[in-house]
Amino acid sequence: MTNKTLYQARDLFHHYHSKVMGEISSMLRRAKLTSVMHLAGERPTFSETARELEYFANIVKVLAPLLHLEQQAEALVPYIEAVKRLGEAIDSGCEDSLGEAIAELDQLPYI
């Protein structure tokens, strides 16, 4: 891989990483402001979006060693896991679980 290609691939990684973090931040904001009943009716669901984000994170894990971005790829894991719990809480309709998932995401930096 040439240096130019490596830099382009890293730029693309950072672009999509920012998109993922932005989507998680948006999901958290909506979860804080909307009832669990209304959130359960959103399409795509929070769980579906979390699965898409997890799919991206898994691709990143495979590519990260080639781009020398293993640490950044691994840093996505707690965010993806937390947003999956957020989706599960909404799917279950449990306000307490939703509050716990929101608190968990709130404690992560950069959200």
PDB file of N, CA and C in Angstrom:
ATOM      1  N   MET A   1       0.855  -1.170   0.000  1.00  0.00           N
ATOM      2  CA  MET A   1       0.000   0.000   0.000  1.00  0.00           C
ATOM      3  C   MET A   1       0.901   1.233   0.000  1.00  0.00           C
ATOM      4  N   THR A   2       0.657   2.143  -0.939  1.00  0.00           N
ATOM      5  CA  THR A   2       1.451   3.357  -1.002  1.00  0.00           C
ATOM      6  C   THR A   2       1.054   4.296   0.132  1.00  0.00           C
ATOM      7  N   ASN A   3       1.933   5.243   0.410  1.00  0.00           N
ATOM      8  CA  ASN A   3       1.631   6.216   1.471  1.00  0.00           C
ATOM      9  C   ASN A   3       0.362   7.004   1.149  1.00  0.00           C
ATOM     10  N   LYS A   4       0.198   7.370  -0.120  1.00  0.00           N
ATOM     11  CA  LYS A   4      -0.991   8.132  -0.510  1.00  0.00           C
ATOM     12  C   LYS A   4      -2.254   7.307  -0.264  1.00  0.00           C
ATOM     13  N   THR A   5      -2.233   6.046  -0.635  1.00  0.00           N
ATOM     14  CA  THR A   5      -3.376   5.172  -0.427  1.00  0.00           C
ATOM     15  C   THR A   5      -3.653   4.988   1.059  1.00  0.00           C
ATOM     16  N   LEU A   6      -2.585   4.835   1.834  1.00  0.00           N
ATOM     17  CA  LEU A   6      -2.731   4.683   3.284  1.00  0.00           C
ATOM     18  C   LEU A   6      -3.388   5.920   3.890  1.00  0.00           C
ATOM     19  N   TYR A   7      -2.941   7.098   3.503  1.00  0.00           N
ATOM     20  CA  TYR A   7      -3.525   8.336   4.020  1.00  0.00           C
ATOM     21  C   TYR A   7      -4.989   8.466   3.604  1.00  0.00           C
ATOM     22  N   GLN A   8      -5.301   8.098   2.355  1.00  0.00           N
ATOM     23  CA  GLN A   8      -6.687   8.163   1.897  1.00  0.00           C
ATOM     24  C   GLN A   8      -7.561   7.193   2.694  1.00  0.00           C
ATOM     25  N   ALA A   9      -7.048   5.999   2.917  1.00  0.00           N
ATOM     26  CA  ALA A   9      -7.813   5.006   3.680  1.00  0.00           C
ATOM     27  C   ALA A   9      -8.009   5.473   5.117  1.00  0.00           C
ATOM     28  N   ARG A  10      -6.991   6.061   5.712  1.00  0.00           N
ATOM     29  CA  ARG A  10      -7.130   6.583   7.076  1.00  0.00           C
ATOM     30  C   ARG A  10      -8.140   7.717   7.134  1.00  0.00           C
ATOM     31  N   ASP A  11      -8.091   8.602   6.137  1.00  0.00           N
ATOM     32  CA  ASP A  11      -9.069   9.697   6.089  1.00  0.00           C
ATOM     33  C   ASP A  11     -10.489   9.152   5.992  1.00  0.00           C
ATOM     34  N   LEU A  12     -10.655   8.136   5.175  1.00  0.00           N
ATOM     35  CA  LEU A  12     -11.969   7.516   5.042  1.00  0.00           C
ATOM     36  C   LEU A  12     -12.397   6.869   6.354  1.00  0.00           C
ATOM     37  N   PHE A  13     -11.463   6.207   7.031  1.00  0.00           N
ATOM     38  CA  PHE A  13     -11.760   5.624   8.342  1.00  0.00           C
ATOM     39  C   PHE A  13     -12.241   6.707   9.300  1.00  0.00           C
ATOM     40  N   HIS A  14     -11.503   7.814   9.381  1.00  0.00           N
ATOM     41  CA  HIS A  14     -11.866   8.886  10.316  1.00  0.00           C
ATOM     42  C   HIS A  14     -13.216   9.512   9.948  1.00  0.00           C
ATOM     43  N   HIS A  15     -13.482   9.613   8.663  1.00  0.00           N
ATOM     44  CA  HIS A  15     -14.774  10.136   8.218  1.00  0.00           C
ATOM     45  C   HIS A  15     -15.907   9.247   8.735  1.00  0.00           C
ATOM     46  N   TYR A  16     -15.802   7.938   8.512  1.00  0.00           N
ATOM     47  CA  TYR A  16     -16.864   7.025   8.945  1.00  0.00           C
ATOM     48  C   TYR A  16     -16.907   6.873  10.466  1.00  0.00           C
ATOM     49  N   HIS A  17     -15.762   6.958  11.103  1.00  0.00           N
ATOM     50  CA  HIS A  17     -15.723   6.919  12.569  1.00  0.00           C
ATOM     51  C   HIS A  17     -16.523   8.098  13.122  1.00  0.00           C
ATOM     52  N   SER A  18     -16.327   9.267  12.542  1.00  0.00           N
ATOM     53  CA  SER A  18     -17.080  10.454  12.969  1.00  0.00           C
ATOM     54  C   SER A  18     -18.573  10.275  12.730  1.00  0.00           C
ATOM     55  N   LYS A  19     -18.934   9.670  11.617  1.00  0.00           N
ATOM     56  CA  LYS A  19     -20.347   9.416  11.327  1.00  0.00           C
ATOM     57  C   LYS A  19     -20.953   8.476  12.367  1.00  0.00           C
ATOM     58  N   VAL A  20     -20.222   7.431  12.732  1.00  0.00           N
ATOM     59  CA  VAL A  20     -20.704   6.481  13.739  1.00  0.00           C
ATOM     60  C   VAL A  20     -20.905   7.195  15.067  1.00  0.00           C
ATOM     61  N   MET A  21     -19.918   7.959  15.496  1.00  0.00           N
ATOM     62  CA  MET A  21     -20.022   8.666  16.768  1.00  0.00           C
ATOM     63  C   MET A  21     -21.162   9.687  16.726  1.00  0.00           C
ATOM     64  N   GLY A  22     -21.345  10.337  15.588  1.00  0.00           N
ATOM     65  CA  GLY A  22     -22.447  11.288  15.443  1.00  0.00           C
ATOM     66  C   GLY A  22     -23.804  10.607  15.536  1.00  0.00           C
ATOM     67  N   GLU A  23     -23.918   9.422  14.930  1.00  0.00           N
ATOM     68  CA  GLU A  23     -25.174   8.684  14.995  1.00  0.00           C
ATOM     69  C   GLU A  23     -25.464   8.238  16.423  1.00  0.00           C
ATOM     70  N   ILE A  24     -24.449   7.774  17.125  1.00  0.00           N
ATOM     71  CA  ILE A  24     -24.636   7.354  18.517  1.00  0.00           C
ATOM     72  C   ILE A  24     -25.053   8.544  19.372  1.00  0.00           C
ATOM     73  N   SER A  25     -24.425   9.677  19.150  1.00  0.00           N
ATOM     74  CA  SER A  25     -24.785  10.888  19.885  1.00  0.00           C
ATOM     75  C   SER A  25     -26.237  11.283  19.597  1.00  0.00           C
ATOM     76  N   SER A  26     -26.645  11.178  18.348  1.00  0.00           N
ATOM     77  CA  SER A  26     -28.022  11.495  17.972  1.00  0.00           C
ATOM     78  C   SER A  26     -29.004  10.531  18.630  1.00  0.00           C
ATOM     79  N   MET A  27     -28.659   9.253  18.647  1.00  0.00           N
ATOM     80  CA  MET A  27     -29.517   8.252  19.285  1.00  0.00           C
ATOM     81  C   MET A  27     -29.670   8.544  20.777  1.00  0.00           C
ATOM     82  N   LEU A  28     -28.573   8.907  21.420  1.00  0.00           N
ATOM     83  CA  LEU A  28     -28.608   9.229  22.847  1.00  0.00           C
ATOM     84  C   LEU A  28     -29.496  10.441  23.097  1.00  0.00           C
ATOM     85  N   ARG A  29     -29.330  11.454  22.291  1.00  0.00           N
ATOM     86  CA  ARG A  29     -30.123  12.677  22.446  1.00  0.00           C
ATOM     87  C   ARG A  29     -31.619  12.367  22.301  1.00  0.00           C
ATOM     88  N   ARG A  30     -31.989  11.591  21.272  1.00  0.00           N
ATOM     89  CA  ARG A  30     -33.399  11.233  21.081  1.00  0.00           C
ATOM     90  C   ARG A  30     -33.915  10.390  22.240  1.00  0.00           C
ATOM     91  N   ALA A  31     -33.086   9.475  22.734  1.00  0.00           N
ATOM     92  CA  ALA A  31     -33.511   8.607  23.843  1.00  0.00           C
ATOM     93  C   ALA A  31     -33.774   9.419  25.101  1.00  0.00           C
ATOM     94  N   LYS A  32     -33.024  10.487  25.296  1.00  0.00           N
ATOM     95  CA  LYS A  32     -33.208  11.333  26.477  1.00  0.00           C
ATOM     96  C   LYS A  32     -34.489  12.156  26.396  1.00  0.00           C
ATOM     97  N   LEU A  33     -34.898  12.497  25.190  1.00  0.00           N
ATOM     98  CA  LEU A  33     -35.991  13.450  25.016  1.00  0.00           C
ATOM     99  C   LEU A  33     -37.333  12.828  24.662  1.00  0.00           C
ATOM    100  N   THR A  34     -37.350  11.521  24.410  1.00  0.00           N
ATOM    101  CA  THR A  34     -38.552  10.882  23.886  1.00  0.00           C
ATOM    102  C   THR A  34     -38.935   9.697  24.759  1.00  0.00           C
ATOM    103  N   SER A  35     -40.215   9.456  24.865  1.00  0.00           N
ATOM    104  CA  SER A  35     -40.685   8.322  25.668  1.00  0.00           C
ATOM    105  C   SER A  35     -40.291   7.009  25.003  1.00  0.00           C
ATOM    106  N   VAL A  36     -40.168   5.980  25.828  1.00  0.00           N
ATOM    107  CA  VAL A  36     -39.781   4.666  25.313  1.00  0.00           C
ATOM    108  C   VAL A  36     -40.837   4.152  24.332  1.00  0.00           C
ATOM    109  N   MET A  37     -42.097   4.477  24.563  1.00  0.00           N
ATOM    110  CA  MET A  37     -43.165   4.032  23.676  1.00  0.00           C
ATOM    111  C   MET A  37     -43.004   4.647  22.280  1.00  0.00           C
ATOM    112  N   HIS A  38     -42.672   5.935  22.238  1.00  0.00           N
ATOM    113  CA  HIS A  38     -42.461   6.601  20.946  1.00  0.00           C
ATOM    114  C   HIS A  38     -41.186   6.082  20.280  1.00  0.00           C
ATOM    115  N   LEU A  39     -40.129   5.891  21.060  1.00  0.00           N
ATOM    116  CA  LEU A  39     -38.869   5.384  20.510  1.00  0.00           C
ATOM    117  C   LEU A  39     -39.050   4.008  19.885  1.00  0.00           C
ATOM    118  N   ALA A  40     -39.917   3.195  20.491  1.00  0.00           N
ATOM    119  CA  ALA A  40     -40.154   1.842  19.979  1.00  0.00           C
ATOM    120  C   ALA A  40     -40.797   1.865  18.594  1.00  0.00           C
ATOM    121  N   GLY A  41     -41.440   2.951  18.259  1.00  0.00           N
ATOM    122  CA  GLY A  41     -42.092   3.064  16.961  1.00  0.00           C
ATOM    123  C   GLY A  41     -41.209   3.631  15.862  1.00  0.00           C
ATOM    124  N   GLU A  42     -40.019   4.052  16.193  1.00  0.00           N
ATOM    125  CA  GLU A  42     -39.135   4.627  15.181  1.00  0.00           C
ATOM    126  C   GLU A  42     -38.682   3.562  14.190  1.00  0.00           C
ATOM    127  N   ARG A  43     -38.510   3.980  12.936  1.00  0.00           N
ATOM    128  CA  ARG A  43     -37.986   3.104  11.900  1.00  0.00           C
ATOM    129  C   ARG A  43     -36.866   3.827  11.181  1.00  0.00           C
ATOM    130  N   PRO A  44     -35.708   3.282  11.022  1.00  0.00           N
ATOM    131  CA  PRO A  44     -35.335   1.978  11.568  1.00  0.00           C
ATOM    132  C   PRO A  44     -35.310   2.036  13.093  1.00  0.00           C
ATOM    133  N   THR A  45     -35.459   0.879  13.695  1.00  0.00           N
ATOM    134  CA  THR A  45     -35.439   0.830  15.162  1.00  0.00           C
ATOM    135  C   THR A  45     -34.029   1.110  15.665  1.00  0.00           C
ATOM    136  N   PHE A  46     -33.940   1.410  16.941  1.00  0.00           N
ATOM    137  CA  PHE A  46     -32.634   1.617  17.548  1.00  0.00           C
ATOM    138  C   PHE A  46     -31.801   0.340  17.450  1.00  0.00           C
ATOM    139  N   SER A  47     -32.433  -0.800  17.620  1.00  0.00           N
ATOM    140  CA  SER A  47     -31.717  -2.075  17.529  1.00  0.00           C
ATOM    141  C   SER A  47     -31.188  -2.317  16.121  1.00  0.00           C
ATOM    142  N   GLU A  48     -31.984  -1.980  15.119  1.00  0.00           N
ATOM    143  CA  GLU A  48     -31.528  -2.133  13.730  1.00  0.00           C
ATOM    144  C   GLU A  48     -30.339  -1.223  13.450  1.00  0.00           C
ATOM    145  N   THR A  49     -30.419   0.004  13.913  1.00  0.00           N
ATOM    146  CA  THR A  49     -29.303   0.932  13.721  1.00  0.00           C
ATOM    147  C   THR A  49     -28.069   0.450  14.469  1.00  0.00           C
ATOM    148  N   ALA A  50     -28.259  -0.061  15.677  1.00  0.00           N
ATOM    149  CA  ALA A  50     -27.125  -0.590  16.451  1.00  0.00           C
ATOM    150  C   ALA A  50     -26.463  -1.745  15.715  1.00  0.00           C
ATOM    151  N   ARG A  51     -27.256  -2.605  15.081  1.00  0.00           N
ATOM    152  CA  ARG A  51     -26.686  -3.726  14.307  1.00  0.00           C
ATOM    153  C   ARG A  51     -25.870  -3.207  13.126  1.00  0.00           C
ATOM    154  N   GLU A  52     -26.358  -2.172  12.462  1.00  0.00           N
ATOM    155  CA  GLU A  52     -25.612  -1.578  11.351  1.00  0.00           C
ATOM    156  C   GLU A  52     -24.293  -0.982  11.841  1.00  0.00           C
ATOM    157  N   LEU A  53     -24.325  -0.312  12.976  1.00  0.00           N
ATOM    158  CA  LEU A  53     -23.102   0.256  13.542  1.00  0.00           C
ATOM    159  C   LEU A  53     -22.129  -0.848  13.949  1.00  0.00           C
ATOM    160  N   GLU A  54     -22.653  -1.931  14.486  1.00  0.00           N
ATOM    161  CA  GLU A  54     -21.804  -3.063  14.858  1.00  0.00           C
ATOM    162  C   GLU A  54     -21.174  -3.693  13.613  1.00  0.00           C
ATOM    163  N   TYR A  55     -21.941  -3.785  12.543  1.00  0.00           N
ATOM    164  CA  TYR A  55     -21.425  -4.316  11.277  1.00  0.00           C
ATOM    165  C   TYR A  55     -20.243  -3.470  10.806  1.00  0.00           C
ATOM    166  N   PHE A  56     -20.392  -2.150  10.837  1.00  0.00           N
ATOM    167  CA  PHE A  56     -19.308  -1.256  10.466  1.00  0.00           C
ATOM    168  C   PHE A  56     -18.103  -1.462  11.376  1.00  0.00           C
ATOM    169  N   ALA A  57     -18.340  -1.544  12.666  1.00  0.00           N
ATOM    170  CA  ALA A  57     -17.233  -1.717  13.623  1.00  0.00           C
ATOM    171  C   ALA A  57     -16.483  -3.023  13.362  1.00  0.00           C
ATOM    172  N   ASN A  58     -17.197  -4.070  12.971  1.00  0.00           N
ATOM    173  CA  ASN A  58     -16.539  -5.338  12.660  1.00  0.00           C
ATOM    174  C   ASN A  58     -15.677  -5.238  11.412  1.00  0.00           C
ATOM    175  N   ILE A  59     -16.130  -4.493  10.423  1.00  0.00           N
ATOM    176  CA  ILE A  59     -15.320  -4.259   9.224  1.00  0.00           C
ATOM    177  C   ILE A  59     -14.063  -3.480   9.599  1.00  0.00           C
ATOM    178  N   VAL A  60     -14.241  -2.474  10.422  1.00  0.00           N
ATOM    179  CA  VAL A  60     -13.115  -1.645  10.856  1.00  0.00           C
ATOM    180  C   VAL A  60     -12.071  -2.491  11.592  1.00  0.00           C
ATOM    181  N   LYS A  61     -12.528  -3.420  12.432  1.00  0.00           N
ATOM    182  CA  LYS A  61     -11.595  -4.283  13.170  1.00  0.00           C
ATOM    183  C   LYS A  61     -10.712  -5.082  12.225  1.00  0.00           C
ATOM    184  N   VAL A  62     -11.284  -5.523  11.112  1.00  0.00           N
ATOM    185  CA  VAL A  62     -10.521  -6.301  10.139  1.00  0.00           C
ATOM    186  C   VAL A  62      -9.511  -5.417   9.416  1.00  0.00           C
ATOM    187  N   LEU A  63      -9.916  -4.206   9.077  1.00  0.00           N
ATOM    188  CA  LEU A  63      -9.054  -3.305   8.314  1.00  0.00           C
ATOM    189  C   LEU A  63      -8.046  -2.541   9.177  1.00  0.00           C
ATOM    190  N   ALA A  64      -8.335  -2.398  10.447  1.00  0.00           N
ATOM    191  CA  ALA A  64      -7.504  -1.569  11.332  1.00  0.00           C
ATOM    192  C   ALA A  64      -6.023  -1.941  11.320  1.00  0.00           C
ATOM    193  N   PRO A  65      -5.657  -3.216  11.369  1.00  0.00           N
ATOM    194  CA  PRO A  65      -4.226  -3.541  11.342  1.00  0.00           C
ATOM    195  C   PRO A  65      -3.524  -3.058  10.066  1.00  0.00           C
ATOM    196  N   LEU A  66      -4.219  -3.081   8.949  1.00  0.00           N
ATOM    197  CA  LEU A  66      -3.635  -2.606   7.696  1.00  0.00           C
ATOM    198  C   LEU A  66      -3.391  -1.098   7.720  1.00  0.00           C
ATOM    199  N   LEU A  67      -4.232  -0.403   8.475  1.00  0.00           N
ATOM    200  CA  LEU A  67      -4.157   1.060   8.535  1.00  0.00           C
ATOM    201  C   LEU A  67      -3.422   1.561   9.773  1.00  0.00           C
ATOM    202  N   HIS A  68      -2.995   0.624  10.605  1.00  0.00           N
ATOM    203  CA  HIS A  68      -2.330   0.968  11.865  1.00  0.00           C
ATOM    204  C   HIS A  68      -3.257   1.802  12.760  1.00  0.00           C
ATOM    205  N   LEU A  69      -4.519   1.382  12.824  1.00  0.00           N
ATOM    206  CA  LEU A  69      -5.533   2.089  13.611  1.00  0.00           C
ATOM    207  C   LEU A  69      -6.235   1.137  14.577  1.00  0.00           C
ATOM    208  N   GLU A  70      -5.519   0.164  15.069  1.00  0.00           N
ATOM    209  CA  GLU A  70      -6.121  -0.823  15.962  1.00  0.00           C
ATOM    210  C   GLU A  70      -6.733  -0.187  17.196  1.00  0.00           C
ATOM    211  N   GLN A  71      -6.033   0.772  17.785  1.00  0.00           N
ATOM    212  CA  GLN A  71      -6.523   1.407  19.010  1.00  0.00           C
ATOM    213  C   GLN A  71      -7.834   2.153  18.756  1.00  0.00           C
ATOM    214  N   GLN A  72      -7.911   2.873  17.655  1.00  0.00           N
ATOM    215  CA  GLN A  72      -9.134   3.607  17.336  1.00  0.00           C
ATOM    216  C   GLN A  72     -10.291   2.644  17.056  1.00  0.00           C
ATOM    217  N   ALA A  73      -9.992   1.556  16.385  1.00  0.00           N
ATOM    218  CA  ALA A  73     -11.041   0.573  16.093  1.00  0.00           C
ATOM    219  C   ALA A  73     -11.542  -0.060  17.388  1.00  0.00           C
ATOM    220  N   GLU A  74     -10.638  -0.394  18.270  1.00  0.00           N
ATOM    221  CA  GLU A  74     -11.020  -1.018  19.543  1.00  0.00           C
ATOM    222  C   GLU A  74     -11.807  -0.040  20.421  1.00  0.00           C
ATOM    223  N   ALA A  75     -11.532   1.245  20.266  1.00  0.00           N
ATOM    224  CA  ALA A  75     -12.225   2.261  21.068  1.00  0.00           C
ATOM    225  C   ALA A  75     -13.716   2.339  20.728  1.00  0.00           C
ATOM    226  N   LEU A  76     -14.112   1.847  19.558  1.00  0.00           N
ATOM    227  CA  LEU A  76     -15.535   1.852  19.193  1.00  0.00           C
ATOM    228  C   LEU A  76     -16.348   0.834  19.981  1.00  0.00           C
ATOM    229  N   VAL A  77     -15.694  -0.213  20.465  1.00  0.00           N
ATOM    230  CA  VAL A  77     -16.403  -1.337  21.089  1.00  0.00           C
ATOM    231  C   VAL A  77     -17.334  -0.909  22.226  1.00  0.00           C
ATOM    232  N   PRO A  78     -16.885  -0.133  23.220  1.00  0.00           N
ATOM    233  CA  PRO A  78     -17.813   0.214  24.307  1.00  0.00           C
ATOM    234  C   PRO A  78     -19.010   1.038  23.836  1.00  0.00           C
ATOM    235  N   TYR A  79     -18.828   1.855  22.815  1.00  0.00           N
ATOM    236  CA  TYR A  79     -19.934   2.652  22.288  1.00  0.00           C
ATOM    237  C   TYR A  79     -20.956   1.767  21.593  1.00  0.00           C
ATOM    238  N   ILE A  80     -20.461   0.823  20.804  1.00  0.00           N
ATOM    239  CA  ILE A  80     -21.355  -0.090  20.093  1.00  0.00           C
ATOM    240  C   ILE A  80     -22.118  -0.960  21.089  1.00  0.00           C
ATOM    241  N   GLU A  81     -21.415  -1.479  22.085  1.00  0.00           N
ATOM    242  CA  GLU A  81     -22.081  -2.320  23.089  1.00  0.00           C
ATOM    243  C   GLU A  81     -23.147  -1.527  23.850  1.00  0.00           C
ATOM    244  N   ALA A  82     -22.835  -0.285  24.191  1.00  0.00           N
ATOM    245  CA  ALA A  82     -23.782   0.552  24.933  1.00  0.00           C
ATOM    246  C   ALA A  82     -25.010   0.887  24.076  1.00  0.00           C
ATOM    247  N   VAL A  83     -24.803   1.165  22.808  1.00  0.00           N
ATOM    248  CA  VAL A  83     -25.938   1.507  21.954  1.00  0.00           C
ATOM    249  C   VAL A  83     -26.790   0.262  21.671  1.00  0.00           C
ATOM    250  N   LYS A  84     -26.175  -0.911  21.662  1.00  0.00           N
ATOM    251  CA  LYS A  84     -26.960  -2.141  21.547  1.00  0.00           C
ATOM    252  C   LYS A  84     -27.860  -2.308  22.768  1.00  0.00           C
ATOM    253  N   ARG A  85     -27.337  -2.014  23.957  1.00  0.00           N
ATOM    254  CA  ARG A  85     -28.160  -2.092  25.175  1.00  0.00           C
ATOM    255  C   ARG A  85     -29.289  -1.054  25.141  1.00  0.00           C
ATOM    256  N   LEU A  86     -29.003   0.091  24.571  1.00  0.00           N
ATOM    257  CA  LEU A  86     -30.031   1.120  24.407  1.00  0.00           C
ATOM    258  C   LEU A  86     -31.171   0.574  23.539  1.00  0.00           C
ATOM    259  N   GLY A  87     -30.821  -0.047  22.434  1.00  0.00           N
ATOM    260  CA  GLY A  87     -31.833  -0.649  21.563  1.00  0.00           C
ATOM    261  C   GLY A  87     -32.616  -1.744  22.258  1.00  0.00           C
ATOM    262  N   GLU A  88     -31.931  -2.586  23.014  1.00  0.00           N
ATOM    263  CA  GLU A  88     -32.596  -3.665  23.753  1.00  0.00           C
ATOM    264  C   GLU A  88     -33.572  -3.098  24.781  1.00  0.00           C
ATOM    265  N   ALA A  89     -33.169  -2.023  25.444  1.00  0.00           N
ATOM    266  CA  ALA A  89     -34.041  -1.401  26.443  1.00  0.00           C
ATOM    267  C   ALA A  89     -35.304  -0.847  25.783  1.00  0.00           C
ATOM    268  N   ILE A  90     -35.138  -0.236  24.633  1.00  0.00           N
ATOM    269  CA  ILE A  90     -36.295   0.306  23.917  1.00  0.00           C
ATOM    270  C   ILE A  90     -37.195  -0.831  23.439  1.00  0.00           C
ATOM    271  N   ASP A  91     -36.579  -1.878  22.909  1.00  0.00           N
ATOM    272  CA  ASP A  91     -37.360  -3.037  22.442  1.00  0.00           C
ATOM    273  C   ASP A  91     -38.171  -3.660  23.578  1.00  0.00           C
ATOM    274  N   SER A  92     -37.592  -3.663  24.775  1.00  0.00           N
ATOM    275  CA  SER A  92     -38.286  -4.278  25.918  1.00  0.00           C
ATOM    276  C   SER A  92     -39.362  -3.357  26.498  1.00  0.00           C
ATOM    277  N   GLY A  93     -39.270  -2.062  26.185  1.00  0.00           N
ATOM    278  CA  GLY A  93     -40.234  -1.104  26.707  1.00  0.00           C
ATOM    279  C   GLY A  93     -40.006  -0.743  28.159  1.00  0.00           C
ATOM    280  N   CYS A  94     -38.858  -1.096  28.688  1.00  0.00           N
ATOM    281  CA  CYS A  94     -38.566  -0.882  30.107  1.00  0.00           C
ATOM    282  C   CYS A  94     -37.887   0.472  30.321  1.00  0.00           C
ATOM    283  N   GLU A  95     -38.599   1.369  30.991  1.00  0.00           N
ATOM    284  CA  GLU A  95     -38.050   2.710  31.275  1.00  0.00           C
ATOM    285  C   GLU A  95     -36.790   2.635  32.131  1.00  0.00           C
ATOM    286  N   ASP A  96     -36.751   1.701  33.106  1.00  0.00           N
ATOM    287  CA  ASP A  96     -35.575   1.574  33.975  1.00  0.00           C
ATOM    288  C   ASP A  96     -34.350   1.148  33.172  1.00  0.00           C
ATOM    289  N   SER A  97     -34.530   0.163  32.288  1.00  0.00           N
ATOM    290  CA  SER A  97     -33.416  -0.290  31.444  1.00  0.00           C
ATOM    291  C   SER A  97     -32.969   0.827  30.509  1.00  0.00           C
ATOM    292  N   LEU A  98     -33.925   1.590  30.010  1.00  0.00           N
ATOM    293  CA  LEU A  98     -33.597   2.716  29.138  1.00  0.00           C
ATOM    294  C   LEU A  98     -32.768   3.739  29.905  1.00  0.00           C
ATOM    295  N   GLY A  99     -33.179   4.045  31.130  1.00  0.00           N
ATOM    296  CA  GLY A  99     -32.418   4.994  31.953  1.00  0.00           C
ATOM    297  C   GLY A  99     -30.998   4.518  32.218  1.00  0.00           C
ATOM    298  N   GLU A 100     -30.848   3.219  32.469  1.00  0.00           N
ATOM    299  CA  GLU A 100     -29.505   2.659  32.695  1.00  0.00           C
ATOM    300  C   GLU A 100     -28.651   2.752  31.435  1.00  0.00           C
ATOM    301  N   ALA A 101     -29.246   2.460  30.277  1.00  0.00           N
ATOM    302  CA  ALA A 101     -28.504   2.528  29.017  1.00  0.00           C
ATOM    303  C   ALA A 101     -28.102   3.969  28.690  1.00  0.00           C
ATOM    304  N   ILE A 102     -28.999   4.896  28.964  1.00  0.00           N
ATOM    305  CA  ILE A 102     -28.680   6.317  28.752  1.00  0.00           C
ATOM    306  C   ILE A 102     -27.536   6.731  29.660  1.00  0.00           C
ATOM    307  N   ALA A 103     -27.588   6.328  30.920  1.00  0.00           N
ATOM    308  CA  ALA A 103     -26.526   6.675  31.867  1.00  0.00           C
ATOM    309  C   ALA A 103     -25.193   6.087  31.414  1.00  0.00           C
ATOM    310  N   GLU A 104     -25.227   4.856  30.915  1.00  0.00           N
ATOM    311  CA  GLU A 104     -23.995   4.228  30.443  1.00  0.00           C
ATOM    312  C   GLU A 104     -23.385   5.003  29.288  1.00  0.00           C
ATOM    313  N   LEU A 105     -24.209   5.399  28.329  1.00  0.00           N
ATOM    314  CA  LEU A 105     -23.704   6.181  27.194  1.00  0.00           C
ATOM    315  C   LEU A 105     -23.227   7.554  27.646  1.00  0.00           C
ATOM    316  N   ASP A 106     -23.940   8.144  28.590  1.00  0.00           N
ATOM    317  CA  ASP A 106     -23.550   9.468  29.097  1.00  0.00           C
ATOM    318  C   ASP A 106     -22.167   9.450  29.729  1.00  0.00           C
ATOM    319  N   GLN A 107     -21.779   8.337  30.291  1.00  0.00           N
ATOM    320  CA  GLN A 107     -20.478   8.259  30.970  1.00  0.00           C
ATOM    321  C   GLN A 107     -19.313   8.080  30.000  1.00  0.00           C
ATOM    322  N   LEU A 108     -19.584   7.706  28.776  1.00  0.00           N
ATOM    323  CA  LEU A 108     -18.517   7.537  27.790  1.00  0.00           C
ATOM    324  C   LEU A 108     -18.080   8.906  27.276  1.00  0.00           C
ATOM    325  N   PRO A 109     -16.776   9.094  27.092  1.00  0.00           N
ATOM    326  CA  PRO A 109     -16.301  10.390  26.594  1.00  0.00           C
ATOM    327  C   PRO A 109     -16.676  10.595  25.123  1.00  0.00           C
ATOM    328  N   TYR A 110     -16.702  11.828  24.701  1.00  0.00           N
ATOM    329  CA  TYR A 110     -16.937  12.232  23.307  1.00  0.00           C
ATOM    330  C   TYR A 110     -18.355  12.042  22.822  1.00  0.00           C
ATOM    331  N   ILE A 111     -19.306  11.823  23.720  1.00  0.00           N
ATOM    332  CA  ILE A 111     -20.700  11.714  23.289  1.00  0.00           C
ATOM    333  C   ILE A 111     -21.435  12.952  23.772  1.00  0.00           C
TER     334      ILE A 111
END
